[in-house]
Structures are given as C-alpha cells and as structure tokens.
Protein backbone atom coordinates (compact mmCIF):
# COMPACT_ATOMS: atom_id res chain seq x y z
CA MET A 1 0.00 0.00 0.00
CA LYS A 2 1.35 3.38 -0.89
CA ASN A 3 2.08 5.83 1.88
CA ASN A 4 -0.77 8.28 1.29
CA VAL A 5 -2.54 7.76 4.60
CA GLY A 6 -3.58 10.97 6.27
CA ARG A 7 -4.55 12.98 3.22
CA LEU A 8 -7.25 12.89 0.62
CA SER A 9 -6.40 11.94 -2.94
CA PHE A 10 -7.53 14.30 -5.69
CA THR A 11 -5.42 12.62 -8.34
CA PRO A 12 -6.37 12.45 -12.03
CA ILE A 13 -7.80 8.97 -11.40
CA THR A 14 -10.09 10.07 -8.56
CA VAL A 15 -11.21 13.11 -10.54
CA LEU A 16 -12.04 10.88 -13.52
CA LEU A 17 -13.83 8.47 -11.19
CA GLY A 18 -15.88 11.38 -9.92
CA VAL A 19 -16.84 12.35 -13.47
CA ALA A 20 -17.82 8.77 -14.32
CA ILE A 21 -19.91 8.29 -11.18
CA PHE A 22 -21.59 11.66 -11.75
CA LEU A 23 -22.55 10.59 -15.29
CA ILE A 24 -23.83 7.25 -13.99
CA GLY A 25 -25.85 9.25 -11.49
CA ILE A 26 -27.30 11.34 -14.33
CA THR A 27 -28.48 8.09 -15.91
CA ALA A 28 -30.10 6.75 -12.75
CA ALA A 29 -31.60 10.11 -11.77
CA SER A 30 -33.07 10.56 -15.24
CA VAL A 31 -34.72 7.19 -15.74
CA ASN A 32 -35.53 5.76 -12.30
CA PRO A 33 -38.30 8.20 -11.35
CA TYR A 34 -39.97 7.68 -14.73
CA ARG A 35 -39.45 3.95 -15.42
CA GLY A 36 -42.80 2.87 -13.99
CA ILE A 37 -44.60 5.86 -15.47
CA LEU A 38 -43.20 5.13 -18.94
CA ALA A 39 -44.09 1.43 -18.76
CA ILE A 40 -47.58 1.81 -17.27
CA ASP A 41 -48.79 5.21 -18.45
CA ASN A 42 -47.01 5.51 -21.82
CA LEU A 43 -46.56 1.94 -23.03
CA GLY A 44 -49.83 0.71 -21.57
CA MET A 45 -48.49 -2.06 -19.34
CA SER A 46 -50.69 -3.31 -16.54
CA ASN A 47 -49.42 -3.37 -12.96
CA ASP A 48 -49.15 -7.17 -13.17
CA THR A 49 -47.14 -7.07 -16.40
CA PHE A 50 -44.82 -4.38 -15.05
CA ALA A 51 -44.33 -6.43 -11.88
CA LEU A 52 -43.49 -9.49 -13.99
CA VAL A 53 -40.94 -7.54 -16.03
CA LEU A 54 -39.35 -6.24 -12.81
CA THR A 55 -39.14 -9.80 -11.51
CA PHE A 56 -37.42 -11.26 -14.55
CA GLY A 57 -35.25 -8.18 -14.94
CA SER A 58 -34.12 -8.47 -11.32
CA ILE A 59 -33.26 -12.17 -11.74
CA ALA A 60 -31.21 -11.44 -14.83
CA ALA A 61 -29.55 -8.43 -13.15
CA ALA A 62 -28.48 -10.45 -10.12
CA ILE A 63 -27.04 -13.25 -12.27
CA GLY A 64 -25.20 -10.79 -14.50
CA SER A 65 -23.84 -8.79 -11.58
CA VAL A 66 -22.59 -11.79 -9.62
CA ILE A 67 -20.85 -13.08 -12.75
CA MET A 68 -19.20 -9.69 -13.27
CA GLY A 69 -18.31 -9.41 -9.57
CA TYR A 70 -16.74 -12.87 -9.58
CA VAL A 71 -14.82 -12.14 -12.76
CA SER A 72 -13.69 -8.69 -11.60
CA ASP A 73 -11.73 -10.22 -8.71
CA ARG A 74 -9.86 -12.44 -11.17
CA VAL A 75 -9.28 -10.36 -14.30
CA ASN A 76 -6.16 -8.29 -14.74
CA ASP A 77 -8.08 -5.06 -15.25
CA ARG A 78 -11.49 -4.24 -13.74
CA ARG A 79 -11.80 -1.11 -15.86
CA LYS A 80 -12.68 -3.06 -19.01
CA LEU A 81 -15.69 -4.60 -17.24
CA VAL A 82 -16.98 -1.17 -16.27
CA ILE A 83 -16.68 0.01 -19.89
CA GLY A 84 -18.65 -3.02 -21.07
CA ALA A 85 -21.34 -2.47 -18.46
CA ALA A 86 -21.70 1.20 -19.39
CA LEU A 87 -22.08 0.37 -23.07
CA ALA A 88 -24.68 -2.31 -22.31
CA GLY A 89 -26.68 0.30 -20.42
CA ALA A 90 -26.40 2.71 -23.33
CA ILE A 91 -27.78 0.06 -25.68
CA ALA A 92 -30.70 -0.62 -23.32
CA TYR A 93 -31.75 3.00 -22.96
CA GLY A 94 -31.21 3.67 -26.65
CA LEU A 95 -33.45 0.74 -27.51
CA ILE A 96 -36.24 2.13 -25.33
CA PHE A 97 -35.95 5.53 -27.02
CA PHE A 98 -35.68 4.40 -30.63
CA VAL A 99 -38.15 1.48 -30.48
CA GLN A 100 -41.01 2.65 -28.31
CA THR A 101 -42.87 -0.60 -27.65
CA GLN A 102 -43.54 -2.87 -24.71
CA LEU A 103 -41.31 -5.51 -26.32
CA SER A 104 -38.33 -3.16 -26.60
CA PHE A 105 -38.81 -2.17 -22.96
CA ILE A 106 -38.85 -5.84 -21.91
CA ILE A 107 -35.73 -6.66 -23.97
CA ALA A 108 -33.90 -3.64 -22.57
CA VAL A 109 -34.76 -4.49 -18.95
CA CYS A 110 -34.26 -8.26 -19.15
CA VAL A 111 -31.36 -8.59 -21.64
CA PHE A 112 -29.14 -5.49 -21.65
CA LEU A 113 -29.74 -3.80 -18.28
CA PRO A 114 -28.73 -6.90 -16.27
CA PHE A 115 -25.18 -6.03 -17.32
CA GLY A 116 -25.65 -2.30 -17.82
CA GLY A 117 -27.17 -1.95 -14.38
CA ALA A 118 -23.97 -3.30 -12.83
CA VAL A 119 -21.99 -0.24 -13.96
CA MET A 120 -22.48 1.54 -10.62
CA SER A 121 -21.59 -1.44 -8.43
CA GLN A 122 -18.56 -2.26 -10.56
CA SER A 123 -17.47 1.40 -10.52
CA LEU A 124 -17.68 1.31 -6.73
CA SER A 125 -15.79 -1.99 -6.74
CA TYR A 126 -12.98 -0.50 -8.83
CA ALA A 127 -12.97 2.71 -6.75
CA ARG A 128 -12.78 0.79 -3.47
CA ALA A 129 -9.93 -1.43 -4.69
CA HIS A 130 -8.02 1.56 -6.09
CA LEU A 131 -8.51 3.72 -3.00
CA ASN A 132 -7.69 0.88 -0.60
CA ASP A 133 -4.43 0.45 -2.49
CA THR A 134 -3.56 4.15 -2.42
CA LEU A 135 -5.20 5.67 0.65
CA GLY A 136 -5.77 3.04 3.30
CA PRO A 137 -7.95 4.41 6.16
CA GLN A 138 -8.81 7.55 4.20
CA ALA A 139 -10.53 5.42 1.54
CA GLU A 140 -13.78 5.41 3.53
CA PHE A 141 -14.24 9.16 3.37
CA MET A 142 -13.21 9.33 -0.29
CA MET A 143 -15.81 6.66 -1.10
CA SER A 144 -18.43 8.84 0.61
CA LEU A 145 -17.25 11.81 -1.43
CA LEU A 146 -17.56 9.85 -4.69
CA ARG A 147 -20.98 8.58 -3.66
CA THR A 148 -22.00 12.18 -2.96
CA LEU A 149 -21.32 13.06 -6.60
CA PHE A 150 -23.91 10.44 -7.50
CA SER A 151 -26.40 12.36 -5.37
CA VAL A 152 -25.37 15.67 -6.92
CA ALA A 153 -26.60 14.22 -10.20
CA TRP A 154 -29.95 13.62 -8.52
CA ILE A 155 -30.19 17.33 -7.72
CA ILE A 156 -29.73 18.31 -11.36
CA ALA A 157 -31.33 15.54 -13.39
CA PRO A 158 -34.82 14.93 -11.91
CA PRO A 159 -36.11 18.51 -12.26
CA ALA A 160 -34.68 18.71 -15.79
CA ALA A 161 -36.10 15.29 -16.64
CA GLY A 162 -39.46 16.31 -15.18
CA TRP A 163 -39.56 19.38 -17.41
CA ILE A 164 -38.63 17.28 -20.45
CA ALA A 165 -41.25 14.65 -19.61
CA ALA A 166 -43.94 17.26 -19.11
CA ASN A 167 -43.10 19.43 -22.12
CA GLN A 168 -41.46 17.03 -24.58
CA SER A 169 -41.60 13.27 -24.07
CA VAL A 170 -40.82 10.75 -21.35
CA PHE A 171 -38.95 8.74 -23.97
CA LEU A 172 -36.48 11.57 -24.51
CA ILE A 173 -35.25 11.03 -20.95
CA PHE A 174 -33.97 7.60 -21.94
CA LEU A 175 -31.95 9.10 -24.80
CA ILE A 176 -30.27 11.39 -22.28
CA ALA A 177 -29.52 8.34 -20.12
CA ALA A 178 -27.95 6.54 -23.09
CA ILE A 179 -25.70 9.53 -23.82
CA ALA A 180 -24.65 9.72 -20.15
CA GLN A 181 -23.75 6.01 -20.18
CA ILE A 182 -21.61 6.53 -23.28
CA GLY A 183 -19.92 9.42 -21.50
CA ALA A 184 -19.16 7.20 -18.50
CA ALA A 185 -17.71 4.55 -20.81
CA LEU A 186 -15.47 7.13 -22.49
CA THR A 187 -14.29 8.36 -19.09
CA TYR A 188 -13.19 4.84 -18.21
CA VAL A 189 -11.44 4.58 -21.57
CA VAL A 190 -9.33 7.54 -20.42
CA ILE A 191 -8.75 5.87 -17.03
CA LEU A 192 -7.77 2.68 -18.87
CA GLY A 193 -5.05 4.61 -20.66
CA ARG A 194 -3.45 5.76 -17.40
CA PRO A 195 -1.03 3.21 -15.90
CA GLU A 196 -1.47 4.56 -12.35
CA GLY A 197 -5.12 3.52 -12.55
CA ALA A 198 -4.23 -0.16 -12.64
CA ILE A 199 -4.72 -2.08 -9.40
CA PRO A 200 -3.14 -5.35 -8.32
CA LYS A 201 -5.04 -8.50 -9.16
CA THR A 202 -6.66 -9.95 -6.04
CA ALA A 203 -4.41 -12.64 -4.65
CA PRO A 204 -5.93 -16.08 -4.03
CA GLN A 205 -7.02 -16.60 -0.46
CA PRO A 206 -4.81 -19.03 1.48
CA GLN A 207 -6.18 -22.50 2.18
CA THR A 208 -5.66 -23.09 5.88
CA SER A 209 -7.66 -26.19 6.68
CA GLY A 210 -9.56 -27.07 3.55
CA ILE A 211 -12.78 -27.11 5.56
CA ALA A 212 -15.61 -25.11 4.01
CA LYS A 213 -16.87 -23.84 7.32
CA ASP A 214 -13.57 -22.01 7.89
CA ARG A 215 -14.49 -19.76 4.97
CA ALA A 216 -18.19 -19.45 5.77
CA LEU A 217 -19.68 -16.18 6.95
CA PRO A 218 -20.36 -16.09 10.70
CA LEU A 219 -23.96 -15.94 11.91
CA SER A 220 -23.50 -12.32 13.01
CA LYS A 221 -22.51 -11.32 9.47
CA ILE A 222 -25.38 -13.32 7.96
CA LEU A 223 -27.87 -11.54 10.23
CA GLY A 224 -26.21 -8.24 9.39
CA LEU A 225 -26.49 -8.83 5.65
CA MET A 226 -30.13 -9.87 6.06
CA GLY A 227 -30.75 -6.64 7.94
CA VAL A 228 -29.00 -4.58 5.28
CA MET A 229 -31.09 -6.41 2.68
CA GLY A 230 -34.29 -5.39 4.48
CA ALA A 231 -33.22 -1.76 4.41
CA ARG A 232 -32.19 -2.01 0.76
CA ILE A 233 -35.56 -3.52 -0.13
CA ALA A 234 -37.18 -0.46 1.42
CA VAL A 235 -34.85 1.97 -0.38
CA LEU A 236 -35.18 0.40 -3.83
CA GLY A 237 -38.87 -0.32 -3.41
CA HIS A 238 -39.40 3.33 -2.54
CA MET A 239 -37.41 4.31 -5.63
CA THR A 240 -39.77 2.23 -7.78
CA VAL A 241 -43.08 3.09 -6.15
CA PHE A 242 -42.58 6.73 -5.11
CA PRO A 243 -43.11 8.15 -8.65
CA LEU A 244 -46.36 6.19 -9.02
CA PHE A 245 -47.47 7.27 -5.54
CA MET A 246 -46.58 10.92 -6.22
CA VAL A 247 -48.55 11.08 -9.46
CA ASN A 248 -51.53 8.93 -8.48
CA ASP A 249 -52.09 9.07 -4.70
CA ALA A 250 -50.78 12.60 -4.08
CA GLY A 251 -52.06 13.98 -7.40
CA GLY A 252 -48.72 15.46 -8.42
CA THR A 253 -47.48 16.33 -11.90
CA LEU A 254 -44.36 15.03 -13.62
CA GLY A 255 -42.69 18.36 -12.97
CA GLN A 256 -43.50 18.17 -9.25
CA LEU A 257 -42.13 14.62 -9.18
CA GLY A 258 -38.83 15.89 -10.57
CA LEU A 259 -38.71 18.71 -8.02
CA ALA A 260 -39.40 16.32 -5.13
CA SER A 261 -36.62 13.98 -6.26
CA GLY A 262 -34.24 16.89 -6.74
CA LEU A 263 -35.08 18.35 -3.33
CA ALA A 264 -34.30 15.07 -1.57
CA ALA A 265 -31.00 14.77 -3.44
CA PHE A 266 -30.08 18.40 -2.64
CA LEU A 267 -30.51 17.67 1.06
CA GLU A 268 -28.63 14.38 0.79
CA VAL A 269 -25.34 15.90 -0.41
CA PRO A 270 -24.12 17.54 2.83
CA LEU A 271 -25.64 14.71 4.87
CA MET A 272 -23.67 12.08 2.91
CA LEU A 273 -20.42 13.91 3.58
CA ALA A 274 -21.36 14.14 7.24
CA TRP A 275 -22.14 10.41 7.43
CA GLY A 276 -18.85 9.60 5.67
CA TYR A 277 -16.98 11.68 8.23
CA THR A 278 -18.93 10.08 11.09
CA ALA A 279 -18.17 6.57 9.80
CA MET A 280 -14.48 7.12 10.54
CA ARG A 281 -15.44 7.39 14.24
CA LEU A 282 -18.56 5.28 14.70
CA ARG A 283 -19.48 1.76 13.62
CA LYS A 284 -21.31 1.42 10.32
CA GLU A 285 -23.85 -0.91 11.92
CA GLY A 286 -25.08 1.79 14.31
CA ILE A 287 -25.46 4.34 11.51
CA ILE A 288 -27.41 1.91 9.32
CA VAL A 289 -29.71 0.80 12.16
CA ALA A 290 -30.54 4.38 13.14
CA ASN A 291 -31.24 5.45 9.58
CA ALA A 292 -33.30 2.33 8.81
CA VAL A 293 -35.56 3.24 11.72
CA VAL A 294 -35.81 6.85 10.50
CA PHE A 295 -36.59 5.62 6.99
CA SER A 296 -39.39 3.39 8.28
CA ILE A 297 -40.89 6.41 10.04
CA TYR A 298 -40.66 8.41 6.82
CA LEU A 299 -42.29 5.65 4.78
CA PHE A 300 -45.12 5.19 7.23
CA ALA A 301 -45.78 8.96 7.24
CA LEU A 302 -45.56 9.10 3.43
CA GLY A 303 -48.18 6.37 3.15
CA GLN A 304 -50.61 8.59 5.03
CA THR A 305 -50.09 11.73 2.94
CA GLN A 306 -52.70 12.94 0.48
CA THR A 307 -51.24 16.15 -0.96
CA VAL A 308 -48.10 17.17 -2.83
CA ALA A 309 -47.23 19.69 -0.13
CA GLN A 310 -47.16 16.97 2.51
CA VAL A 311 -44.85 14.89 0.33
CA PHE A 312 -42.46 17.82 -0.05
CA TRP A 313 -42.34 18.41 3.70
CA LEU A 314 -41.31 14.80 4.29
CA GLN A 315 -38.32 14.94 1.95
CA GLY A 316 -36.05 16.22 4.71
CA LEU A 317 -36.66 13.03 6.68
CA ASN A 318 -36.20 11.01 3.51
CA ALA A 319 -32.85 12.68 2.76
CA LEU A 320 -31.57 12.14 6.30
CA ALA A 321 -32.26 8.41 6.15
CA ILE A 322 -31.31 7.77 2.52
CA SER A 323 -27.97 9.60 2.82
CA GLY A 324 -26.88 7.35 5.66
CA LEU A 325 -28.31 4.14 4.23
CA LEU A 326 -26.90 4.41 0.73
CA THR A 327 -23.43 5.39 1.88
CA MET A 328 -23.05 2.91 4.72
CA ILE A 329 -24.82 -0.05 3.08
CA ILE A 330 -22.30 0.10 0.25
CA SER A 331 -19.35 0.18 2.65
CA TYR A 332 -20.78 -2.56 4.89
CA THR A 333 -21.46 -4.88 1.96
CA GLN A 334 -18.07 -4.29 0.31
CA GLU A 335 -16.41 -5.61 3.48
CA ALA A 336 -18.60 -8.72 3.73
CA ILE A 337 -16.21 -11.14 1.98
CA LYS A 338 -12.62 -10.43 2.94
CA GLY A 339 -10.28 -10.03 -0.01
CA ARG A 340 -13.10 -10.16 -2.58
CA VAL A 341 -14.25 -6.57 -3.02
CA GLY A 342 -15.69 -7.28 -6.48
CA LEU A 343 -17.74 -10.25 -5.33
CA SER A 344 -18.76 -8.45 -2.14
CA THR A 345 -19.94 -5.43 -4.11
CA SER A 346 -21.99 -7.70 -6.37
CA LEU A 347 -23.99 -8.67 -3.27
CA LEU A 348 -25.61 -5.25 -3.64
CA ASP A 349 -27.08 -6.44 -6.92
CA VAL A 350 -28.22 -9.71 -5.36
CA MET A 351 -30.07 -7.55 -2.86
CA THR A 352 -31.45 -5.65 -5.82
CA LEU A 353 -32.77 -8.96 -7.14
CA ILE A 354 -34.59 -9.63 -3.90
CA ALA A 355 -35.79 -6.03 -3.74
CA GLY A 356 -37.13 -6.39 -7.27
CA PHE A 357 -39.01 -9.54 -6.26
CA VAL A 358 -40.48 -7.88 -3.21
CA SER A 359 -41.37 -4.65 -5.03
CA ALA A 360 -43.01 -6.61 -7.84
CA GLY A 361 -44.97 -8.70 -5.38
CA LEU A 362 -46.10 -5.68 -3.39
CA ILE A 363 -47.20 -3.85 -6.54
CA ALA A 364 -49.03 -6.92 -7.83
CA PHE A 365 -50.85 -7.70 -4.58
CA LEU A 366 -51.24 -4.38 -2.77
CA ALA A 367 -51.46 -1.70 -5.48
CA THR A 368 -54.54 -0.73 -7.41
CA GLU A 369 -54.52 1.22 -10.66
CA GLU A 370 -54.52 4.58 -8.89
CA HIS A 371 -53.35 3.86 -5.33
CA TYR A 372 -49.91 2.81 -4.09
CA ALA A 373 -50.05 3.90 -0.44
CA ALA A 374 -50.36 0.32 0.84
CA VAL A 375 -47.08 -0.57 -0.92
CA ILE A 376 -45.31 2.38 0.73
CA SER A 377 -46.55 1.30 4.17
CA ALA A 378 -45.37 -2.27 3.57
CA LEU A 379 -41.89 -0.99 2.72
CA ALA A 380 -41.81 0.76 6.11
CA PHE A 381 -42.16 -2.68 7.70
CA PHE A 382 -39.19 -4.05 5.75
CA SER A 383 -36.99 -1.14 6.82
CA LEU A 384 -37.88 -1.64 10.48
CA VAL A 385 -37.31 -5.40 10.35
CA GLY A 386 -33.97 -4.78 8.62
CA ALA A 387 -32.91 -2.48 11.45
CA GLY A 388 -33.80 -5.17 13.98
CA LEU A 389 -31.86 -7.92 12.19
CA LEU A 390 -28.75 -5.79 11.72
CA PHE A 391 -28.87 -4.75 15.38
CA ALA A 392 -29.15 -8.41 16.43
CA GLY A 393 -26.16 -9.33 14.25
CA TRP A 394 -24.17 -6.42 15.63
CA ARG A 395 -24.86 -7.45 19.23
CA LEU A 396 -24.01 -11.09 18.45
CA GLU A 397 -20.72 -10.03 16.89
CA GLY A 398 -19.91 -8.00 19.99
CA LYS A 399 -20.57 -10.97 22.27
CA THR A 400 -18.46 -13.24 20.06
CA GLU A 401 -15.55 -10.81 20.09
CA GLY A 402 -15.97 -10.34 23.82
C-alpha cells in the first residue's frame, strides 16, 4: 500500500472516477423516477405485467452482476468490465428511445440492463480497490465523497427530466440516459489509458484447513447482511413506487415529481459527507440501524399523505435516512467477503434482485390502478425489520468478540 494515509487523494484517477460516477448518477436520476410511469402510463403495461418484467429483470440483473463481480476479482483489469457495463446500459436506454414498444422495454430491462445496471456497483468496486491500495484508512471518506457526486446528479437531473417529460416526451429522458452512459464509458477509456489507474489482481485466499466452514460467513454477518437487505428492499422499493405514488395518490405532476426527487437529493449531499466523516469514528452498523428506523418512520408517514405539499415536507426526513443508508450499506457490503471486493460489491445487486421480487410482489398484490399507499406502508415494515436484524447481528458479533 502506498504511503498516502492521512490525506485525501484528488489525483487524475479520482477526478475521472468522480466524473464517471456523476454521469452514472445522471443516468439513474433521469430514468428511475420515470421507469414505472413510462411502462404503465405511456406503453400501456398493466401493474401485473410491469411487476413481472421487474421480476425477470431483477433475476437477470443479479445473475449478470454476480458473474461480473466474480470475474472482476480475477481479471487483470477491472476497468474493461466497467466500460462493457456502461455500453450495455447505453444500448438498453437507446433501444427504449428508438423502439417505443412494450417488447423493446422488456428486452432492454431483461437482456441489456442486467449487465448495464452493474456499472455503478462495478465502478464502486474498482474505486474501493483503487482507494484501498492508495489511501488506506482515508478510503472510507473518499468513497463517501464519490458517492455524494452520484447524489449531486440527482439534484440536477430529476427537475430537468421532469420538465422534459412534461413538455417534450418521457422517452427523450432515456436518450439522455444513453448519452450519459456513453460518457461514463469514455471516461473509463481515459482511465484505462493511465497506468497509475491499474490495481493489483486480487491474490488467491490461502487455504488453511480445507474445511468449508472455515471460509463461511459467521452468523453475526449473515444476520447483518439480512438486515441490510431489508433496508435495501425499502430503499429500492421506494425508488420504484414513489413516482407512481406521487402522481396517483398525491395527485402530483411530472414536474412536481422531478422537483421532489431533486429536493431530496439536494438535502442528501451535505448529509452524505457528514455520514462519511462520522463513519471514521462510529461503527457502520449503528449508523445503518438508526437510519433504517428513521426511513421506516418516513415511509409510514408518506403512506398517510394525500397532498403534494405533505410529500415535499417529508423529503427532509427522507434525505436524512437515505444519505446514511446508501453510503453505509455500500461500505458494509463491500467488506462482507474479505479479499473479494468485487464479489462483495456484487452482493448489492443480489439484494437488488430480492428487492425487485419484493417490489413486484407488493405492486401486484397491494397496489390498485390509482393507489400505491399500501405498498409504501409495507416498505416501512421491511426497513424496520432490517434495522432489527442488523442490530441483532451487531450485538451477536460484539458478544463473540468479547
């Protein structure tokens, strides 16, 4: 490890990483709030069909991400995988824009996005490996700083996308996403050309006893990952259902949806930096548990709202919880499997698979054509249960260490 501990690293590589993650954030911030609206309101999908597409898309995404995570710990250069993932995402979003049918949407979600959707997790995997190699203990805060750039994109993109959707076309948003993905790919092409951006290939883990249980995750970590999964289900389920709730239950417009998403992201930016700073002094488990409880309170309150104004007032609580959850869940998961940052990071996408299943099931069984409040309330339950499981794992780990 290079002797850079004690200072932050604003090298050309970290600057380029920031640009790439910002562009990936532009993609996510542009399409995520409008994915359900495009499928249901513009392409004419039923709730059941949309739920089915989410289910199959999530299965394919988890398989693709785990494959890429496994390979990334064994290939000589992770950067090529990120470029491939970015281009796959560009193809998916371009297909939705140029061929505006239900079939093109299904192909994009179930064939190309399973690999394109891994661009963020694999970017974080590369960033973590690179920063661990160059910064050591300071890597945690730099990861929070990079993750904050993702949220900065959410300040800019949703209001702009809302204006485009309201005044032009929802489909145009997906063209913007495709261009942003191409930009991220090009940024990694530049990183690929810089020799200092290369990181050592992960060394094989030593075989001490040959017994499988020696390499198994302890019960405390399993409970912790289950708890994190519960919180992630709530976060990603909210991301899917909130636009439908905002437009249907609260009676908002597409423009107001963009403003609400942008407001939450604006509040998240300083909070993410604060949580990243706090994580160097407090345990990640405590931060995640506290924010999962706060998020469950937010979701329960959101499920009871009936006006756009009430939704806007709750975005402060949303930002407080989301900023801590997104930042710390990534860090917690990346440390799950020692020496396998790529495979550990891919666990985030496995959680996305499960979140997709749960979201699809909740939409199919609890939502009606114009009401999604029951889904929001159910997500509050998952966040609270996740907090409880992670807390139990944390306490068990403490007793084991004691």
